[in-house]
Amino acid sequence: MIVLDTTVLVYAVGSEHPYRDPCRQLLFERHELGCFDAVLAATAQEAGAAALVSADVAYGGVPRLNHVLPDKAGVDRLLGG
């Protein structure tokens, strides 16, 4: 496990800085997610979450993550309805 301080997120989304590119490299750049979304996806994966509910369709491309849209069909599926 790697624990990241919030400063890593700040550098990754901030203006030009020597830490910016290395911090971005730490945060799952290979996906179409922003830094904060990538951390949420990784947290959900690590926790073994049954689903991550979000309107952001980019989560659908993350391996080992059950992305559920918060539409009627998605919510019904989660609630067993």
C-alpha atoms as a PDB file:
ATOM      1  CA  MET A   1       0.000   0.000   0.000  1.00  0.00           C
ATOM      2  CA  ILE A   2       1.152   3.527  -0.759  1.00  0.00           C
ATOM      3  CA  VAL A   3      -0.326   6.339   1.310  1.00  0.00           C
ATOM      4  CA  LEU A   4      -0.451   9.754  -0.334  1.00  0.00           C
ATOM      5  CA  ASP A   5      -0.577  13.046   1.483  1.00  0.00           C
ATOM      6  CA  THR A   6      -3.027  15.581   0.068  1.00  0.00           C
ATOM      7  CA  THR A   7      -0.086  17.701  -1.068  1.00  0.00           C
ATOM      8  CA  VAL A   8       0.498  15.109  -3.791  1.00  0.00           C
ATOM      9  CA  LEU A   9      -2.985  15.849  -5.125  1.00  0.00           C
ATOM     10  CA  VAL A  10      -2.403  19.586  -4.905  1.00  0.00           C
ATOM     11  CA  TYR A  11       0.870  19.385  -6.832  1.00  0.00           C
ATOM     12  CA  ALA A  12      -0.701  17.081  -9.429  1.00  0.00           C
ATOM     13  CA  VAL A  13      -3.466  19.547 -10.300  1.00  0.00           C
ATOM     14  CA  GLY A  14      -1.547  22.730  -9.587  1.00  0.00           C
ATOM     15  CA  SER A  15       0.543  25.048 -11.711  1.00  0.00           C
ATOM     16  CA  GLU A  16       4.022  24.288 -13.015  1.00  0.00           C
ATOM     17  CA  HIS A  17       6.265  22.888 -10.265  1.00  0.00           C
ATOM     18  CA  PRO A  18       9.118  20.345 -10.133  1.00  0.00           C
ATOM     19  CA  TYR A  19       6.800  17.928  -8.251  1.00  0.00           C
ATOM     20  CA  ARG A  20       3.873  18.270 -10.662  1.00  0.00           C
ATOM     21  CA  ASP A  21       4.777  15.614 -13.251  1.00  0.00           C
ATOM     22  CA  PRO A  22       5.996  13.013 -10.736  1.00  0.00           C
ATOM     23  CA  CYS A  23       2.802  13.513  -8.679  1.00  0.00           C
ATOM     24  CA  ARG A  24       0.681  13.118 -11.795  1.00  0.00           C
ATOM     25  CA  GLN A  25       2.554   9.921 -12.593  1.00  0.00           C
ATOM     26  CA  LEU A  26       1.555   8.543  -9.179  1.00  0.00           C
ATOM     27  CA  LEU A  27      -2.142   9.213  -9.827  1.00  0.00           C
ATOM     28  CA  PHE A  28      -3.260   6.687 -12.513  1.00  0.00           C
ATOM     29  CA  GLU A  29      -2.732   8.970 -15.564  1.00  0.00           C
ATOM     30  CA  ARG A  30      -3.408   6.082 -17.908  1.00  0.00           C
ATOM     31  CA  HIS A  31      -7.148   6.505 -17.335  1.00  0.00           C
ATOM     32  CA  GLU A  32      -9.436   9.324 -18.355  1.00  0.00           C
ATOM     33  CA  LEU A  33      -9.931  10.290 -14.724  1.00  0.00           C
ATOM     34  CA  GLY A  34      -8.756  13.373 -12.927  1.00  0.00           C
ATOM     35  CA  CYS A  35      -6.456  13.057  -9.931  1.00  0.00           C
ATOM     36  CA  PHE A  36      -9.126  13.144  -7.265  1.00  0.00           C
ATOM     37  CA  ASP A  37     -11.334  10.695  -9.179  1.00  0.00           C
ATOM     38  CA  ALA A  38      -8.386   8.341  -9.596  1.00  0.00           C
ATOM     39  CA  VAL A  39      -7.804   8.330  -5.853  1.00  0.00           C
ATOM     40  CA  LEU A  40     -11.486   7.581  -5.266  1.00  0.00           C
ATOM     41  CA  ALA A  41     -11.358   4.696  -7.760  1.00  0.00           C
ATOM     42  CA  ALA A  42      -8.217   3.265  -6.166  1.00  0.00           C
ATOM     43  CA  THR A  43      -9.759   3.564  -2.715  1.00  0.00           C
ATOM     44  CA  ALA A  44     -12.877   1.751  -3.860  1.00  0.00           C
ATOM     45  CA  GLN A  45     -10.763  -1.012  -5.404  1.00  0.00           C
ATOM     46  CA  GLU A  46      -8.580  -1.399  -2.334  1.00  0.00           C
ATOM     47  CA  ALA A  47     -11.605  -1.483  -0.017  1.00  0.00           C
ATOM     48  CA  GLY A  48     -13.276  -4.139  -2.131  1.00  0.00           C
ATOM     49  CA  ALA A  49     -16.298  -1.906  -2.697  1.00  0.00           C
ATOM     50  CA  ALA A  50     -19.256  -3.624  -4.310  1.00  0.00           C
ATOM     51  CA  ALA A  51     -19.806  -0.568  -6.502  1.00  0.00           C
ATOM     52  CA  LEU A  52     -18.793   3.010  -7.112  1.00  0.00           C
ATOM     53  CA  VAL A  53     -21.847   5.083  -7.994  1.00  0.00           C
ATOM     54  CA  SER A  54     -21.079   8.089 -10.150  1.00  0.00           C
ATOM     55  CA  ALA A  55     -22.405   9.952 -13.165  1.00  0.00           C
ATOM     56  CA  ASP A  56     -18.805  10.195 -14.425  1.00  0.00           C
ATOM     57  CA  VAL A  57     -18.656   7.589 -17.194  1.00  0.00           C
ATOM     58  CA  ALA A  58     -14.837   7.550 -17.097  1.00  0.00           C
ATOM     59  CA  TYR A  59     -15.060   5.194 -14.113  1.00  0.00           C
ATOM     60  CA  GLY A  60     -16.431   2.567 -16.478  1.00  0.00           C
ATOM     61  CA  GLY A  61     -12.954   2.105 -17.956  1.00  0.00           C
ATOM     62  CA  VAL A  62     -11.254   1.289 -14.661  1.00  0.00           C
ATOM     63  CA  PRO A  63     -10.415  -2.405 -14.262  1.00  0.00           C
ATOM     64  CA  ARG A  64     -11.766  -4.233 -11.192  1.00  0.00           C
ATOM     65  CA  LEU A  65     -14.244  -1.443 -10.482  1.00  0.00           C
ATOM     66  CA  ASN A  66     -17.982  -1.936 -10.683  1.00  0.00           C
ATOM     67  CA  HIS A  67     -19.112   1.476 -11.885  1.00  0.00           C
ATOM     68  CA  VAL A  68     -22.828   2.122 -11.558  1.00  0.00           C
ATOM     69  CA  LEU A  69     -24.571   5.134 -13.049  1.00  0.00           C
ATOM     70  CA  PRO A  70     -26.989   6.826 -10.652  1.00  0.00           C
ATOM     71  CA  ASP A  71     -29.870   6.401 -13.091  1.00  0.00           C
ATOM     72  CA  LYS A  72     -33.029   4.407 -12.390  1.00  0.00           C
ATOM     73  CA  ALA A  73     -31.622   1.172 -13.806  1.00  0.00           C
ATOM     74  CA  GLY A  74     -28.372   1.478 -11.855  1.00  0.00           C
ATOM     75  CA  VAL A  75     -30.049   2.315  -8.570  1.00  0.00           C
ATOM     76  CA  ASP A  76     -32.636  -0.442  -9.022  1.00  0.00           C
ATOM     77  CA  ARG A  77     -29.837  -2.943  -9.690  1.00  0.00           C
ATOM     78  CA  LEU A  78     -27.991  -1.856  -6.524  1.00  0.00           C
ATOM     79  CA  LEU A  79     -31.097  -2.029  -4.379  1.00  0.00           C
ATOM     80  CA  GLY A  80     -32.228  -5.326  -5.840  1.00  0.00           C
ATOM     81  CA  GLY A  81     -35.345  -3.847  -7.367  1.00  0.00           C
END
